[in-house]
PDB file of N, CA and C in Angstrom:
ATOM      1  N   GLY A   1     -54.725 -67.203 148.402  1.00  0.00           N
ATOM      2  CA  GLY A   1     -54.757 -65.852 148.971  1.00  0.00           C
ATOM      3  C   GLY A   1     -56.099 -65.555 149.614  1.00  0.00           C
ATOM      4  N   ILE A   2     -56.490 -64.290 149.548  1.00  0.00           N
ATOM      5  CA  ILE A   2     -57.773 -63.916 150.156  1.00  0.00           C
ATOM      6  C   ILE A   2     -58.838 -63.811 149.073  1.00  0.00           C
ATOM      7  N   LYS A   3     -58.557 -64.420 147.906  1.00  0.00           N
ATOM      8  CA  LYS A   3     -59.539 -64.349 146.816  1.00  0.00           C
ATOM      9  C   LYS A   3     -60.401 -65.610 146.832  1.00  0.00           C
ATOM     10  N   VAL A   4     -61.656 -65.451 147.236  1.00  0.00           N
ATOM     11  CA  VAL A   4     -62.520 -66.631 147.312  1.00  0.00           C
ATOM     12  C   VAL A   4     -63.793 -66.409 146.507  1.00  0.00           C
ATOM     13  N   THR A   5     -63.872 -67.002 145.348  1.00  0.00           N
ATOM     14  CA  THR A   5     -65.058 -66.918 144.485  1.00  0.00           C
ATOM     15  C   THR A   5     -65.726 -65.544 144.541  1.00  0.00           C
ATOM     16  N   GLY A   6     -64.943 -64.513 144.378  1.00  0.00           N
ATOM     17  CA  GLY A   6     -65.518 -63.162 144.338  1.00  0.00           C
ATOM     18  C   GLY A   6     -66.020 -62.706 145.684  1.00  0.00           C
ATOM     19  N   ILE A   7     -65.435 -63.210 146.760  1.00  0.00           N
ATOM     20  CA  ILE A   7     -65.862 -62.770 148.096  1.00  0.00           C
ATOM     21  C   ILE A   7     -64.789 -61.869 148.698  1.00  0.00           C
ATOM     22  N   ARG A   8     -65.144 -60.629 148.941  1.00  0.00           N
ATOM     23  CA  ARG A   8     -64.161 -59.688 149.497  1.00  0.00           C
ATOM     24  C   ARG A   8     -64.580 -59.271 150.901  1.00  0.00           C
ATOM     25  N   ASP A   9     -63.747 -59.591 151.853  1.00  0.00           N
ATOM     26  CA  ASP A   9     -64.042 -59.217 153.236  1.00  0.00           C
ATOM     27  C   ASP A   9     -62.983 -58.264 153.771  1.00  0.00           C
ATOM     28  N   VAL A  10     -63.405 -57.303 154.566  1.00  0.00           N
ATOM     29  CA  VAL A  10     -62.445 -56.357 155.126  1.00  0.00           C
ATOM     30  C   VAL A  10     -61.838 -56.938 156.403  1.00  0.00           C
ATOM     31  N   THR A  11     -62.332 -58.127 156.776  1.00  0.00           N
ATOM     32  CA  THR A  11     -61.828 -58.771 157.991  1.00  0.00           C
ATOM     33  C   THR A  11     -60.644 -59.664 157.638  1.00  0.00           C
ATOM     34  N   PRO A  12     -59.710 -59.822 158.575  1.00  0.00           N
ATOM     35  CA  PRO A  12     -58.538 -60.682 158.366  1.00  0.00           C
ATOM     36  C   PRO A  12     -58.944 -62.138 158.165  1.00  0.00           C
ATOM     37  N   ILE A  13     -58.825 -62.623 156.923  1.00  0.00           N
ATOM     38  CA  ILE A  13     -59.209 -64.014 156.643  1.00  0.00           C
ATOM     39  C   ILE A  13     -57.978 -64.924 156.672  1.00  0.00           C
ATOM     40  N   PRO A  14     -57.992 -65.904 157.560  1.00  0.00           N
ATOM     41  CA  PRO A  14     -56.887 -66.864 157.662  1.00  0.00           C
ATOM     42  C   PRO A  14     -56.823 -67.748 156.422  1.00  0.00           C
ATOM     43  N   HIS A  15     -55.606 -68.061 155.969  1.00  0.00           N
ATOM     44  CA  HIS A  15     -55.465 -68.888 154.761  1.00  0.00           C
ATOM     45  C   HIS A  15     -55.803 -70.336 155.079  1.00  0.00           C
ATOM     46  N   ASN A  16     -57.066 -70.588 155.322  1.00  0.00           N
ATOM     47  CA  ASN A  16     -57.496 -71.956 155.622  1.00  0.00           C
ATOM     48  C   ASN A  16     -58.159 -72.546 154.389  1.00  0.00           C
ATOM     49  N   GLY A  17     -57.408 -72.600 153.282  1.00  0.00           N
ATOM     50  CA  GLY A  17     -57.988 -73.105 152.042  1.00  0.00           C
ATOM     51  C   GLY A  17     -58.793 -72.006 151.383  1.00  0.00           C
ATOM     52  N   CYS A  18     -60.079 -72.230 151.209  1.00  0.00           N
ATOM     53  CA  CYS A  18     -60.941 -71.202 150.616  1.00  0.00           C
ATOM     54  C   CYS A  18     -62.234 -71.101 151.405  1.00  0.00           C
ATOM     55  N   ARG A  19     -62.114 -71.051 152.730  1.00  0.00           N
ATOM     56  CA  ARG A  19     -63.326 -70.970 153.556  1.00  0.00           C
ATOM     57  C   ARG A  19     -63.191 -69.880 154.605  1.00  0.00           C
ATOM     58  N   PRO A  20     -63.703 -68.685 154.280  1.00  0.00           N
ATOM     59  CA  PRO A  20     -63.662 -67.557 155.215  1.00  0.00           C
ATOM     60  C   PRO A  20     -64.615 -67.778 156.378  1.00  0.00           C
ATOM     61  N   PRO A  21     -64.279 -67.247 157.579  1.00  0.00           N
ATOM     62  CA  PRO A  21     -65.106 -67.392 158.777  1.00  0.00           C
ATOM     63  C   PRO A  21     -66.452 -66.706 158.608  1.00  0.00           C
ATOM     64  N   LYS A  22     -66.473 -65.679 157.749  1.00  0.00           N
ATOM     65  CA  LYS A  22     -67.739 -64.961 157.529  1.00  0.00           C
ATOM     66  C   LYS A  22     -68.112 -65.009 156.059  1.00  0.00           C
ATOM     67  N   ARG A  23     -69.290 -65.530 155.746  1.00  0.00           N
ATOM     68  CA  ARG A  23     -69.710 -65.608 154.342  1.00  0.00           C
ATOM     69  C   ARG A  23     -70.420 -64.324 153.938  1.00  0.00           C
ATOM     70  N   ARG A  24     -69.652 -63.384 153.402  1.00  0.00           N
ATOM     71  CA  ARG A  24     -70.265 -62.100 153.009  1.00  0.00           C
ATOM     72  C   ARG A  24     -70.178 -61.939 151.505  1.00  0.00           C
ATOM     73  N   ARG A  25     -71.300 -61.970 150.833  1.00  0.00           N
ATOM     74  CA  ARG A  25     -71.287 -61.802 149.372  1.00  0.00           C
ATOM     75  C   ARG A  25     -71.488 -60.337 149.007  1.00  0.00           C
ATOM     76  N   VAL A  26     -70.456 -59.728 148.471  1.00  0.00           N
ATOM     77  CA  VAL A  26     -70.556 -58.312 148.109  1.00  0.00           C
ATOM     78  C   VAL A  26     -71.001 -58.179 146.656  1.00  0.00           C
TER      79      VAL A  26
END
């Protein structure tokens, strides 16, 4: 899903494994 090691982005993250286009640590 869009759950990546506690990384929450408001941008549409494609399900490409666990690598979001933007690395934003909240």
